[in-house]
Structures are given as C-alpha cells and as structure tokens.
Protein backbone atom coordinates (compact mmCIF):
# COMPACT_ATOMS: atom_id res chain seq x y z
CA MET A 1 -42.99 -23.61 -23.67
CA GLU A 2 -40.74 -21.09 -25.13
CA HIS A 3 -37.23 -21.76 -23.58
CA GLU A 4 -38.06 -25.57 -23.04
CA SER A 5 -36.24 -28.29 -25.29
CA ALA A 6 -37.72 -31.47 -26.51
CA GLY A 7 -34.93 -33.57 -24.72
CA VAL A 8 -37.41 -35.51 -22.34
CA SER A 9 -36.68 -38.93 -21.79
CA ALA A 10 -38.20 -41.61 -19.38
CA LEU A 11 -35.84 -43.56 -16.95
CA GLY A 12 -36.79 -46.51 -14.91
CA ASP A 13 -34.83 -48.60 -12.88
CA SER A 14 -34.24 -52.45 -13.77
CA SER A 15 -36.71 -53.86 -11.10
CA SER A 16 -39.79 -52.00 -12.90
CA GLN A 17 -39.03 -53.53 -16.43
CA SER A 18 -40.24 -57.19 -17.40
CA ASN A 19 -37.59 -59.75 -17.79
CA VAL A 20 -39.12 -60.69 -21.33
CA PRO A 21 -36.85 -58.98 -23.88
CA ASN A 22 -39.55 -58.21 -26.32
CA ALA A 23 -42.36 -57.75 -24.06
CA VAL A 24 -44.37 -54.53 -24.87
CA ILE A 25 -47.49 -52.90 -23.62
CA LEU A 26 -49.70 -50.17 -24.85
CA CYS A 27 -49.45 -46.69 -23.68
CA CYS A 28 -52.61 -45.82 -21.63
CA GLU A 29 -53.23 -42.36 -23.41
CA CYS A 30 -52.18 -42.83 -27.04
CA ALA A 31 -52.01 -46.96 -27.49
CA VAL A 32 -48.32 -46.55 -28.81
CA PRO A 33 -46.48 -50.01 -27.98
CA ILE A 34 -43.81 -48.78 -25.64
CA GLN A 35 -41.51 -50.62 -22.86
CA PRO A 36 -43.10 -51.11 -19.64
CA ASN A 37 -42.58 -48.45 -17.24
CA PRO A 38 -44.19 -47.39 -13.88
CA ALA A 39 -46.21 -44.62 -15.63
CA ASN A 40 -47.69 -46.81 -18.28
CA MET A 41 -47.14 -43.74 -20.49
CA CYS A 42 -44.87 -42.96 -23.58
CA VAL A 43 -42.18 -40.23 -23.60
CA THR A 44 -44.26 -37.96 -25.51
CA CYS A 45 -47.41 -38.38 -23.14
CA LEU A 46 -45.19 -37.88 -20.47
CA ARG A 47 -43.83 -34.60 -21.49
CA ASN A 48 -47.50 -33.37 -22.38
CA HIS A 49 -48.85 -34.31 -18.76
CA VAL A 50 -45.59 -33.63 -16.64
CA ASP A 51 -43.28 -30.56 -16.10
CA ILE A 52 -40.68 -30.96 -13.50
CA THR A 53 -39.42 -27.41 -14.17
CA GLU A 54 -42.73 -25.96 -13.83
CA ASN A 55 -41.81 -24.42 -10.30
CA ILE A 56 -38.32 -23.04 -11.68
CA PRO A 57 -38.42 -19.33 -13.09
CA LYS A 58 -37.68 -19.11 -16.52
CA GLN A 59 -36.62 -15.47 -16.38
CA ALA A 60 -34.74 -13.39 -13.31
CA VAL A 61 -33.03 -10.40 -12.84
CA LEU A 62 -29.40 -9.68 -11.75
CA HIS A 63 -28.36 -6.22 -10.46
CA PHE A 64 -25.18 -4.86 -11.45
CA CYS A 65 -23.25 -1.83 -10.44
CA ARG A 66 -21.36 -0.08 -13.40
CA ASN A 67 -19.01 1.83 -11.33
CA CYS A 68 -17.33 -1.04 -9.56
CA GLU A 69 -18.37 -3.86 -12.09
CA ARG A 70 -19.66 -5.97 -9.23
CA TYR A 71 -22.92 -8.03 -9.14
CA LEU A 72 -25.60 -8.00 -6.08
CA GLN A 73 -25.59 -11.26 -4.34
CA PRO A 74 -28.87 -10.93 -1.91
CA PRO A 75 -29.22 -9.50 0.70
CA THR A 76 -26.49 -6.68 0.84
CA GLU A 77 -23.36 -8.31 -0.49
CA TRP A 78 -21.44 -7.21 -3.76
CA ILE A 79 -19.18 -9.71 -5.43
CA GLN A 80 -16.84 -9.27 -8.28
CA ALA A 81 -17.58 -11.62 -11.31
CA SER A 82 -16.73 -11.61 -14.97
CA LEU A 83 -18.73 -12.94 -17.65
CA GLU A 84 -19.11 -16.64 -17.85
CA SER A 85 -17.35 -17.34 -14.95
CA ARG A 86 -17.85 -19.81 -12.17
CA GLU A 87 -18.64 -17.06 -9.80
CA LEU A 88 -21.41 -15.59 -12.01
CA LEU A 89 -22.89 -19.07 -12.64
CA ALA A 90 -22.96 -19.81 -8.88
CA LEU A 91 -24.89 -16.55 -8.55
CA CYS A 92 -27.32 -17.41 -11.09
CA LEU A 93 -28.14 -20.48 -9.63
CA LYS A 94 -28.63 -19.25 -6.02
CA LYS A 95 -31.31 -16.76 -8.00
CA LEU A 96 -33.35 -19.76 -8.93
CA LYS A 97 -35.36 -20.88 -5.93
CA GLY A 98 -37.03 -24.26 -7.37
CA LEU A 99 -33.97 -25.97 -8.07
CA LYS A 100 -34.20 -27.64 -4.36
CA GLU A 101 -36.70 -29.76 -5.85
CA VAL A 102 -34.85 -31.39 -8.60
CA LYS A 103 -31.55 -32.60 -8.92
CA LEU A 104 -29.15 -30.31 -10.88
CA VAL A 105 -26.96 -32.46 -13.62
CA ASP A 106 -25.40 -29.78 -15.86
CA ALA A 107 -25.40 -26.06 -15.91
CA GLY A 108 -23.56 -23.74 -18.65
CA PHE A 109 -23.64 -20.59 -20.38
CA ILE A 110 -25.25 -19.57 -23.94
CA TRP A 111 -23.11 -17.04 -25.80
CA THR A 112 -25.03 -13.75 -25.68
CA GLU A 113 -23.82 -10.33 -27.00
CA GLN A 114 -21.97 -8.43 -24.25
CA HIS A 115 -24.15 -5.31 -24.57
CA SER A 116 -27.43 -7.02 -24.88
CA LYS A 117 -28.11 -7.18 -21.00
CA ARG A 118 -28.94 -10.76 -21.06
CA ILE A 119 -27.31 -13.75 -19.71
CA LYS A 120 -28.73 -17.20 -20.64
CA VAL A 121 -28.12 -20.48 -18.84
CA LYS A 122 -28.72 -23.77 -20.16
CA LEU A 123 -29.61 -26.26 -17.34
CA THR A 124 -30.28 -30.15 -17.12
CA VAL A 125 -32.28 -31.60 -14.40
CA HIS A 126 -33.48 -34.83 -13.35
CA GLY A 127 -36.95 -35.10 -11.46
CA GLU A 128 -38.80 -38.19 -10.09
CA ILE A 129 -42.64 -38.46 -10.73
CA VAL A 130 -45.30 -40.85 -9.51
CA GLY A 131 -44.22 -44.55 -9.82
CA GLY A 132 -40.69 -43.89 -9.38
CA THR A 133 -39.73 -43.00 -13.19
CA VAL A 134 -37.00 -40.17 -13.56
CA LEU A 135 -37.27 -37.65 -16.13
CA GLN A 136 -34.41 -35.83 -17.60
CA GLN A 137 -35.42 -32.04 -18.98
CA VAL A 138 -33.19 -29.27 -20.37
CA PHE A 139 -34.44 -25.88 -20.64
CA VAL A 140 -32.85 -22.19 -20.65
CA VAL A 141 -33.25 -19.44 -18.07
CA GLU A 142 -32.63 -15.96 -19.19
CA PHE A 143 -31.42 -13.24 -16.74
CA THR A 144 -31.86 -9.49 -17.58
CA VAL A 145 -28.95 -7.63 -16.06
CA GLN A 146 -30.27 -4.20 -14.31
CA ASN A 147 -28.18 -1.45 -13.48
CA GLN A 148 -28.02 -0.69 -9.89
CA MET A 149 -25.31 1.52 -7.74
CA CYS A 150 -23.85 -0.32 -5.08
CA THR A 151 -23.89 1.17 -1.28
CA ASP A 152 -20.17 1.87 -1.78
CA CYS A 153 -20.33 3.85 -5.10
CA HIS A 154 -23.51 5.61 -4.08
CA ARG A 155 -21.57 6.86 -0.86
CA THR A 156 -18.72 7.99 -2.86
CA GLU A 157 -20.94 10.00 -5.36
CA ALA A 158 -22.42 11.65 -2.25
CA LYS A 159 -21.44 14.88 -0.60
CA ASP A 160 -20.14 13.30 2.65
CA PHE A 161 -19.18 10.16 1.06
CA TRP A 162 -16.34 9.08 3.51
CA ARG A 163 -16.85 7.41 6.64
CA CYS A 164 -12.85 7.02 8.08
CA LEU A 165 -10.26 9.70 8.04
CA VAL A 166 -6.64 9.20 8.79
CA GLN A 167 -4.59 12.39 9.33
CA VAL A 168 -0.90 12.11 9.34
CA ARG A 169 1.01 15.03 10.85
CA GLN A 170 4.63 15.70 11.61
CA ARG A 171 5.28 18.97 13.46
CA ALA A 172 9.00 19.73 12.94
CA GLU A 173 10.77 22.00 11.20
CA ASN A 174 12.51 19.32 8.99
CA LYS A 175 10.14 17.01 6.99
CA LYS A 176 12.55 14.21 5.71
CA THR A 177 10.87 11.74 7.97
CA PHE A 178 7.67 12.52 6.29
CA TYR A 179 8.92 12.39 2.51
CA TYR A 180 10.45 8.85 3.54
CA LEU A 181 7.07 7.81 4.98
CA GLU A 182 5.44 8.78 1.58
CA GLN A 183 7.74 6.75 -0.51
CA LEU A 184 7.12 3.41 1.86
CA ILE A 185 3.44 4.03 1.30
CA LEU A 186 3.85 4.15 -2.39
CA LYS A 187 6.22 1.07 -2.52
CA HIS A 188 3.87 -1.29 -0.14
CA LYS A 189 0.62 0.39 -2.07
CA ALA A 190 -0.94 1.07 1.51
CA HIS A 191 -3.01 3.72 -0.22
CA GLU A 192 -4.89 1.32 -2.91
CA HIS A 193 -8.36 1.43 -0.84
CA THR A 194 -8.19 5.26 -0.33
CA LEU A 195 -11.18 7.21 -1.43
CA GLY A 196 -9.23 10.32 -1.54
CA ILE A 197 -5.72 11.76 -0.42
CA LYS A 198 -5.89 15.56 0.34
CA PRO A 199 -2.46 17.60 1.35
CA GLU A 200 -2.65 19.71 4.38
CA HIS A 201 -0.38 21.86 6.46
CA GLY A 202 1.94 19.54 7.99
CA GLY A 203 1.03 16.44 6.33
CA LEU A 204 -1.63 14.26 4.42
CA ASP A 205 -5.18 13.36 5.04
CA PHE A 206 -6.49 9.75 3.95
CA TYR A 207 -10.40 9.27 3.15
CA TYR A 208 -11.84 5.75 3.60
CA ALA A 209 -15.04 4.26 3.25
CA ASN A 210 -14.38 1.38 5.22
CA GLU A 211 -13.22 1.20 8.77
CA ASN A 212 -11.05 -1.82 8.35
CA HIS A 213 -9.19 -0.03 5.49
CA ALA A 214 -8.42 2.89 7.77
CA ARG A 215 -7.32 0.79 10.41
CA ARG A 216 -5.02 -1.19 8.47
CA MET A 217 -3.59 2.07 7.24
CA VAL A 218 -3.00 3.20 10.87
CA ASP A 219 -1.19 -0.17 11.67
CA PHE A 220 0.99 0.19 8.64
CA LEU A 221 2.37 3.81 9.67
CA LEU A 222 2.88 2.88 13.11
CA THR A 223 5.02 -0.18 12.08
CA GLN A 224 7.11 1.93 9.52
CA VAL A 225 8.01 5.07 11.64
CA PRO A 226 7.77 6.32 15.20
CA GLY A 227 4.14 7.77 15.98
CA LYS A 228 1.31 7.94 18.38
CA VAL A 229 -2.34 7.64 17.48
CA THR A 230 -5.61 9.57 18.82
CA THR A 231 -8.92 8.12 17.83
CA SER A 232 -12.14 10.05 17.81
CA LYS A 233 -15.63 9.46 16.37
CA ARG A 234 -18.80 11.62 15.62
CA LEU A 235 -22.28 10.76 15.50
CA ILE A 236 -24.04 11.33 12.10
CA SER A 237 -27.46 9.82 12.45
CA HIS A 238 -29.13 7.38 14.72
CA ASP A 239 -32.15 4.89 14.08
CA ILE A 240 -34.42 4.70 17.36
CA HIS A 241 -36.48 1.84 15.85
CA SER A 242 -33.20 -0.62 14.96
CA ASN A 243 -31.04 1.05 17.39
CA ASN A 244 -28.41 1.67 14.80
CA TYR A 245 -25.84 4.37 15.07
CA ASN A 246 -23.73 5.71 12.11
CA TYR A 247 -20.46 7.36 13.09
CA LYS A 248 -17.64 9.00 11.03
CA TYR A 249 -14.33 7.96 12.82
CA SER A 250 -11.11 9.84 12.71
CA TRP A 251 -7.38 8.55 13.58
CA SER A 252 -4.54 11.50 13.99
CA VAL A 253 -1.03 9.65 13.59
CA GLU A 254 1.26 12.26 15.07
CA LEU A 255 5.09 11.29 13.72
CA ALA A 256 8.02 12.03 16.07
CA PRO A 257 9.36 15.38 15.42
CA VAL A 258 12.88 14.48 14.62
CA SER A 259 14.63 13.67 11.20
CA LYS A 260 17.87 12.34 9.89
CA ASP A 261 20.89 14.31 10.78
CA SER A 262 18.92 16.36 13.47
CA ALA A 263 20.79 16.94 16.56
CA VAL A 264 18.98 16.14 19.99
CA CYS A 265 19.95 16.46 23.54
CA LEU A 266 19.28 13.65 25.77
CA SER A 267 18.15 13.74 29.59
CA LYS A 268 20.60 12.04 31.90
CA LYS A 269 18.13 9.09 32.86
CA LEU A 270 18.03 8.19 28.91
CA ARG A 271 21.53 8.71 28.56
CA HIS A 272 22.16 6.30 31.09
CA GLN A 273 19.41 3.82 29.55
CA LEU A 274 21.26 3.95 26.41
CA GLY A 275 24.59 2.80 27.33
CA ASN A 276 26.17 6.44 28.57
CA LEU A 277 25.96 8.27 25.54
CA SER A 278 27.07 12.04 25.27
CA PRO A 279 24.17 14.43 25.57
CA ILE A 280 24.53 15.96 22.19
CA CYS A 281 23.75 12.92 19.56
CA LEU A 282 22.71 12.69 16.02
CA VAL A 283 19.66 11.18 14.50
CA ASN A 284 21.37 8.64 12.14
CA ARG A 285 18.01 7.20 10.95
CA VAL A 286 14.38 7.19 11.55
CA SER A 287 12.89 3.68 10.46
CA SER A 288 10.34 1.75 13.17
CA SER A 289 12.55 3.22 15.86
CA ILE A 290 14.99 6.25 15.96
CA HIS A 291 18.52 5.26 15.80
CA LEU A 292 21.17 7.77 17.31
CA ILE A 293 24.58 8.01 16.85
CA ASP A 294 27.10 9.92 19.44
CA PRO A 295 29.48 11.98 17.14
CA LEU A 296 32.28 12.06 19.82
CA THR A 297 32.66 8.15 20.59
CA ALA A 298 30.87 6.76 17.48
CA GLN A 299 28.22 4.76 19.74
CA ILE A 300 25.25 3.81 18.47
CA ALA A 301 21.83 3.50 20.26
CA GLU A 302 18.09 2.51 19.30
CA LEU A 303 14.97 4.18 20.69
CA THR A 304 11.78 2.27 20.28
CA SER A 305 8.61 4.51 19.84
CA GLN A 306 7.03 3.61 23.17
CA VAL A 307 10.25 4.80 24.94
CA TYR A 308 10.50 7.94 23.00
CA PHE A 309 6.85 8.96 23.60
CA ARG A 310 7.14 8.09 27.22
CA ALA A 311 9.61 11.15 27.46
CA PRO A 312 9.82 12.84 24.11
CA PHE A 313 12.33 15.03 23.10
CA GLU A 314 12.79 17.78 20.12
CA ALA A 315 15.49 18.30 17.71
CA VAL A 316 17.90 21.31 19.25
CA CYS A 317 19.60 21.88 15.79
CA ASN A 318 17.97 21.14 12.32
CA PRO A 319 19.60 20.43 9.12
CA LYS A 320 18.70 24.13 7.97
CA GLN A 321 21.11 25.45 10.62
CA LEU A 322 24.24 23.47 9.37
CA VAL A 323 27.21 25.53 8.46
CA GLU A 324 29.89 24.69 6.04
CA TYR A 325 33.32 23.72 7.28
CA ILE A 326 36.81 23.06 5.65
CA VAL A 327 39.06 20.23 7.05
CA MET A 328 42.31 21.56 7.96
CA ASP A 329 43.92 18.38 9.53
CA ILE A 330 42.58 14.73 10.56
CA GLU A 331 43.58 11.91 12.63
CA VAL A 332 41.72 8.72 12.44
CA ILE A 333 41.78 6.94 16.10
CA MET A 334 42.36 3.26 15.76
CA GLU A 335 40.02 0.89 17.36
CA LYS A 336 42.77 -0.14 19.81
CA ASP A 337 43.31 3.61 20.96
CA ARG A 338 39.54 4.05 21.59
CA LYS A 339 38.66 4.42 25.57
CA THR A 340 36.04 2.26 26.85
CA TYR A 341 33.89 2.77 30.01
CA PRO A 342 31.74 0.31 31.77
CA GLY A 343 28.47 0.13 30.68
CA GLN A 344 29.27 1.74 27.46
CA GLY A 345 26.79 0.73 24.55
CA GLN A 346 27.55 -0.55 21.07
CA LEU A 347 30.20 0.75 18.56
CA SER A 348 29.44 1.60 14.98
CA PHE A 349 31.76 -0.29 12.49
CA LYS A 350 30.37 1.84 9.62
CA HIS A 351 31.96 4.57 10.99
CA ALA A 352 35.43 5.63 12.23
CA LEU A 353 36.46 7.96 14.96
CA CYS A 354 38.90 10.94 14.42
CA ASP A 355 40.10 13.96 15.60
CA ILE A 356 39.74 16.68 13.25
CA TRP A 357 40.48 20.64 12.75
CA VAL A 358 38.09 22.40 11.05
CA LEU A 359 37.72 26.25 9.88
CA ARG A 360 34.46 27.93 8.90
CA SER A 361 34.74 28.38 4.81
CA SER A 362 33.43 32.02 5.27
CA GLU A 363 36.54 32.58 7.61
CA LEU A 364 39.02 30.67 5.26
CA GLY A 365 42.26 33.01 4.82
CA ILE A 366 40.91 35.28 7.62
CA ASN A 367 40.95 33.03 10.67
CA ASP A 368 44.08 30.91 11.32
CA ASN A 369 42.80 29.18 14.51
CA PRO A 370 40.78 25.98 13.57
CA ILE A 371 38.49 24.54 15.81
CA HIS A 372 39.24 20.78 17.23
CA THR A 373 36.72 18.41 17.95
CA ARG A 374 35.96 14.79 17.42
CA SER A 375 33.96 13.09 14.64
CA HIS A 376 32.56 9.70 13.33
CA LEU A 377 32.89 10.89 9.94
CA GLY A 378 36.88 9.72 9.84
CA HIS A 379 35.95 6.99 7.03
CA LEU A 380 34.95 9.99 4.45
CA LEU A 381 36.80 13.00 5.39
CA LYS A 382 40.44 13.95 4.24
CA VAL A 383 42.22 17.28 4.19
CA GLY A 384 40.54 19.89 2.23
CA ASP A 385 37.21 18.34 2.11
CA SER A 386 34.13 20.35 2.83
CA VAL A 387 31.77 19.19 5.69
CA MET A 388 28.57 20.25 7.23
CA GLY A 389 28.20 20.81 10.89
CA TYR A 390 26.17 22.39 13.87
CA ASN A 391 28.13 25.52 15.68
CA THR A 392 26.93 24.40 18.91
CA GLY A 393 29.36 26.68 20.67
CA GLU A 394 27.53 29.84 19.52
CA ALA A 395 24.03 28.79 18.68
CA ASN A 396 21.03 30.04 20.26
CA ILE A 397 19.37 26.80 21.53
CA ASN A 398 16.13 26.99 23.66
CA ASP A 399 15.97 23.57 25.51
CA PRO A 400 15.80 22.81 29.03
CA GLU A 401 18.08 19.72 29.13
CA PHE A 402 20.55 21.67 26.94
CA GLU A 403 20.43 24.59 29.40
CA LYS A 404 21.38 22.11 32.39
CA LEU A 405 24.49 20.99 30.44
CA PRO A 406 27.89 22.17 31.84
CA ALA A 407 30.21 24.01 29.21
CA ASP A 408 32.66 21.05 29.08
CA LEU A 409 29.86 18.62 27.84
CA VAL A 410 28.76 20.95 24.91
CA PRO A 411 31.08 20.35 21.94
CA ASP A 412 31.99 23.60 19.84
CA VAL A 413 31.31 22.18 16.58
CA VAL A 414 29.21 18.95 15.86
CA LEU A 415 30.02 17.64 12.16
CA VAL A 416 27.12 15.94 10.46
CA ARG A 417 27.92 14.73 6.78
CA LYS A 418 30.18 15.56 4.17
CA HIS A 419 29.22 18.26 1.60
CA TYR A 420 29.21 17.91 -2.26
CA ASP A 421 28.54 20.58 -4.72
CA ARG A 422 25.02 21.17 -5.09
CA GLN A 423 24.98 21.96 -8.93
CA THR A 424 27.21 18.69 -9.56
CA ARG A 425 24.68 16.79 -7.80
CA LEU A 426 21.76 18.06 -9.70
CA SER A 427 23.16 17.62 -12.99
CA GLN A 428 24.09 14.12 -12.35
CA ARG A 429 20.57 12.92 -10.63
CA LEU A 430 19.19 10.91 -13.53
CA TRP A 431 16.13 9.59 -11.41
CA LYS A 432 13.16 10.78 -9.76
CA LEU A 433 10.45 9.81 -7.24
CA LYS A 434 6.60 9.53 -7.39
CA HIS A 435 4.18 11.50 -4.82
CA LEU A 436 1.01 10.76 -3.22
CA ALA A 437 -0.12 14.33 -3.61
CA ALA A 438 1.14 17.56 -5.59
CA GLU A 439 4.77 18.73 -4.60
CA ALA A 440 5.06 21.64 -2.38
CA THR A 441 6.34 24.69 -3.95
CA ASP A 442 7.54 26.74 -1.09
CA GLU A 443 11.38 27.21 -0.77
CA ARG A 444 11.61 25.42 2.41
CA SER A 445 9.88 22.35 1.31
CA LYS A 446 11.93 22.20 -1.65
CA HIS A 447 15.22 22.47 0.55
CA ASP A 448 13.93 19.60 2.80
CA TYR A 449 13.08 17.33 -0.44
CA HIS A 450 16.34 17.84 -1.93
CA GLU A 451 18.05 16.88 1.42
CA PHE A 452 15.99 13.75 1.38
CA LEU A 453 17.06 12.73 -2.03
CA ASP A 454 20.76 13.56 -0.92
CA ASP A 455 20.23 11.07 1.75
CA LEU A 456 18.89 8.38 -0.55
CA GLU A 457 22.07 8.67 -2.97
CA GLU A 458 24.65 8.39 0.21
CA ASN A 459 22.85 5.64 1.98
CA VAL A 460 22.16 2.16 0.20
CA ASP A 461 20.06 0.75 2.82
CA MET A 462 17.81 3.61 2.93
CA ARG A 463 17.14 3.48 -1.15
CA GLY A 464 16.29 -0.13 -0.84
CA GLN A 465 13.09 0.58 0.78
CA VAL A 466 11.95 3.10 -2.05
CA ASN A 467 10.92 2.88 -5.55
CA ILE A 468 13.31 4.94 -7.56
CA TYR A 469 12.18 5.61 -11.29
CA ARG A 470 14.61 6.37 -14.23
CA ASP A 471 13.86 10.14 -15.28
CA THR A 472 13.41 10.03 -18.87
CA ASN A 473 13.37 13.85 -19.37
CA LYS A 474 17.40 13.42 -18.60
CA THR A 475 20.00 12.24 -20.83
CA LEU A 476 22.78 9.72 -20.04
CA PRO A 477 26.08 10.96 -19.72
CA SER A 478 28.14 10.02 -22.61
CA GLU A 479 31.42 7.97 -22.38
CA SER A 480 33.50 10.95 -23.53
CA GLN A 481 31.89 12.70 -20.49
CA PRO A 482 31.95 10.15 -17.42
CA ALA A 483 30.22 11.14 -14.07
CA SER A 484 32.25 12.09 -11.26
CA GLY A 485 33.17 8.96 -9.04
CA GLU A 486 33.29 11.89 -5.96
CA VAL A 487 29.61 12.44 -5.62
CA PRO A 488 27.50 9.63 -4.54
CA GLN A 489 25.11 8.48 -7.25
CA ILE A 490 22.30 5.74 -7.68
CA THR A 491 23.17 3.24 -10.42
CA LEU A 492 20.71 2.41 -13.47
CA GLU A 493 20.54 -0.93 -12.21
CA GLU A 494 18.69 0.14 -9.12
CA MET A 495 16.19 2.18 -10.97
CA LEU A 496 12.68 1.21 -12.23
CA GLU A 497 11.09 2.12 -15.45
CA ASP A 498 8.00 4.57 -15.09
CA MET A 499 5.55 2.53 -17.09
CA THR A 500 2.84 4.86 -17.71
CA LEU A 501 -1.04 4.20 -19.08
CA GLU A 502 -0.07 6.35 -21.73
CA CYS A 503 2.89 4.52 -23.06
CA ALA A 504 0.67 1.14 -22.69
CA ASP A 505 -2.15 2.67 -24.92
CA ASP A 506 0.45 3.55 -27.51
CA GLU A 507 1.51 -0.14 -27.44
CA MET A 508 -1.79 -1.58 -27.79
CA GLY A 509 -2.62 0.80 -30.56
CA ASP A 510 0.30 -0.27 -32.80
CA ALA A 511 -0.74 -3.80 -32.14
CA GLU A 512 -2.83 -5.67 -34.42
CA PRO A 513 -6.07 -6.84 -33.04
CA GLU A 514 -6.64 -10.42 -32.46
CA PRO A 515 -9.52 -12.22 -34.54
CA GLU A 516 -12.49 -12.94 -32.59
CA PRO A 517 -13.06 -16.63 -31.84
CA GLU A 518 -15.52 -18.63 -34.07
CA LEU A 519 -18.67 -19.70 -32.15
C-alpha cells in the first residue's frame, strides 16, 4: 500500500505465551520459528493477510473558504483553524469514519508546502484480530484542500447580502449627542461585526448578516444614550415544502432630540417629580440618562430614558441660538446663604451659584443698563469675561409648556457656558478623533462638531469615555511659546498614538526577515 509503513507488530497477552522461555513454534504459513501467539503466524504473514486500516480512507477532502479563512465542519458549521493546530487535527479526524473500529494511539501532522493544498496526517492505531492478537499499524492520510465559499461570504458577494439593518437617527437641530455616541461605538468596538456603515440624513445605517449581532448593537445603543427602538421585518422568500421563512429585519433607534447645553421647558408635573426644578433648565450631560441642571438654583436632576419617552419634550433653545455677553459684575452666593425649600432636590457641588450682571457684547459702549440674572457658573466667571447665554426674554419660542409660564418665571437671560476665543482654541488643538463614516461638509454640521470638541476639552469625565488621538499634522508648541493657561486643553498624557497599517508595514519592511526553521 502506498501510504502504509512497515511498522506492524503482533502483541499478545502474557496468558497466551508459553511459560517455557525458549519454546518456539513454526509459522503456519512460512514455517519460520516464532514465539507462540494466538494467530500462529509471524509478523510478516500477519501483515500480508490482515490490514486493520482497510476501512479507513487514505484520502479525504477539506473545504476551505479563502475570504474568511475558515474550514467547513459538516454539515453547515464553519470554524476557524490555523495550520497544524489542534482544531484542524480534530476536524481531520472527524472526516475519517473508520476510526471507530480501531483504537487511535497517536496522530500528528507531516509537513507539507503551505501552497500545495495538501495536508498529511500520520496516524498510529491498535486493532484486535482473531485470537485476541493486537496489531499496531502506522499509516498516512492525505487531505486535499478545496476552495468553497461559505454562506456568510456568499451573502456578502451577492447583491442583497445583508439580513439585518440598524438605523440610528436623531431628529434634532444639534447633533452633539450623536457625535458622542459615535465615539462610544468606536471605543467599545461595537461595530466590528458590521458588513457596512452608510451615512444617511440624520444618522447612520449599520448592516449585519447575523440577527444576534444586530440585536447586540441595539442593546449597546440603548445602554449608552436615551433612545427608543421600533422593529420591523419583511418576508423575502418562503419554502412551502420545508416551511422555512427568510426575513429581513430592521431596527430603528431614535435618540432623544436634546444635546448638552440645550435649554428645555419642563411640565409642571415633571418639575415636581424631579424636586421642584425651575421651568427653564439646561441639559448638563447626556449619557444613559439625561442630566439636567437648574441655572437659577444650581439644582441637578437625572431623567431616565423610560421617564423621558413617557412624556417627551424638545429643546426650546439650541446652542446655535447662543448670544455672547460680557460680565459687568458678579457676586457669588455662599452655601449658607442659599434658600432651601421643602422637597428640593440635590444641589451641584461642582457649580457655584451667583448673582451676575451682564451686557450684550454687541451693545458694549452703547447700552449702560446691564441685565441681572442668576447663574450656576460662579466658579468660572469673573468681571470682564465673555459668556454665552440664551436671550429667553426676547426669543421667539414655540412650545406649549413655555407658553403656559407666567412672565415672572421666565428669566431674561439664561447663561450656559464661558466663552473662549475660537482661533486660540483651534491653534492649540493638537488632537483629533476617528469617525465611522466620512465627515459632513455642511457648515451646520461643522459647527455642531466643533462645539462637541469644545465640550471634550472642558469636561474631563466626558473625554474619559472617548479615544483621543495625537494629531501628527500639528507641531507641539515650543517652550518659548507656551500654550495659554486660560483656554482648556487636553494634555499629551490623555492622547493615544494613531497607529495606522502603513506605519506597521514600514516597520516590518525595515526589519530583517527571520530565518526559516530547519525541518
């Protein structure tokens, strides 16, 4: 036999051998003196008459997908297995049906050229024949690797390859919450099983071939930001004989239409539930819940996704409506001077309540009557600073809850955040972010994106959830030109190096190749 070795031996138990040390018998076939054994034949005659591997195929076929580099494990499963691995050896042994009739003692690979499409496995087996004699035989099985596209790759190459679609939308004028969600997806690699990502008006579409991967993406989105999901499915085909249905599934995830620094008007019932907040509040942060802050009392509250979508509301003022004011005078209200009310909620210790007098920057030198209001930014502002705020006293707000408010509950100005020079910020910004899809080119989206970058620089907790990369296209400031300490910045210790594939290839190209191992 071509792949069969001559290593065949007859093994008998001690009870079948004579107690006389030098007793011999003659082989019944060739009359050669041998030790007594149940078959009464020598090793050579046993090898000629008996083959314990005759029911084991010496050649077999393995199906391999070149796209995803997986092997077919019958009937329909595709597994990942590297060359000469335990997984590949187990797959090869499962292809040999006759192994159940013998006892497998040893198995191992014989080296073959990687591009030869051949895999050789050396097997050692024990088999019992007539009379209780146990034979050991070593043989080689050759596997031929044939290319076959798996079902997942075949669906990818087809025209309608996706089975599941996750649509993420935020119907709001400001997209800062959506930009934050994009960075969370990148940091946690929640998009690694997607077949494709397509930007659409108001959001992104994620395509999947597996329903479980799509459901996992939807669960991730709902745990990171407030949102609600609707599900639908469409019948593609139906097999009446096997009663199998082929559907395409779609999930639509709608994010809450509010972003950081948006002004909202709360209903009377919701204000009482949250601890007697003022009607006009600011969105301090958007995470798995909506965090609100009362600018007149520095009181904070948290609104869960379930509570929000039970009685949803939209922003009455968005960051694009901010007006620049100049601080003319400021008086910080001490903790002991704050008035407390029964049922009042939790106060923020990161903010300082203050009485503040401001004047529009466009009216500086023209109007001598500053506007008085209260603000939660007493820890940041001083006389002469620029601050951005909403002119709620003169704004044209179309909201049913806002129209119900009496005039004494509507402040003339709602201050939102301290203002820094835009050109100084851009010149000192030495970092960048990655994106799931191509960046938007319209001016509105660019403005929202730069505001999101400003929020990352001002909020340490927020940028802790985002991967920030060093921008190699910008040079570090020299010691003779130190960066301004007034403008908030991100330190080099918080930045990651952007390791691209090209850089890795260049490093590998410069290194000397390792010598091949001797066989």
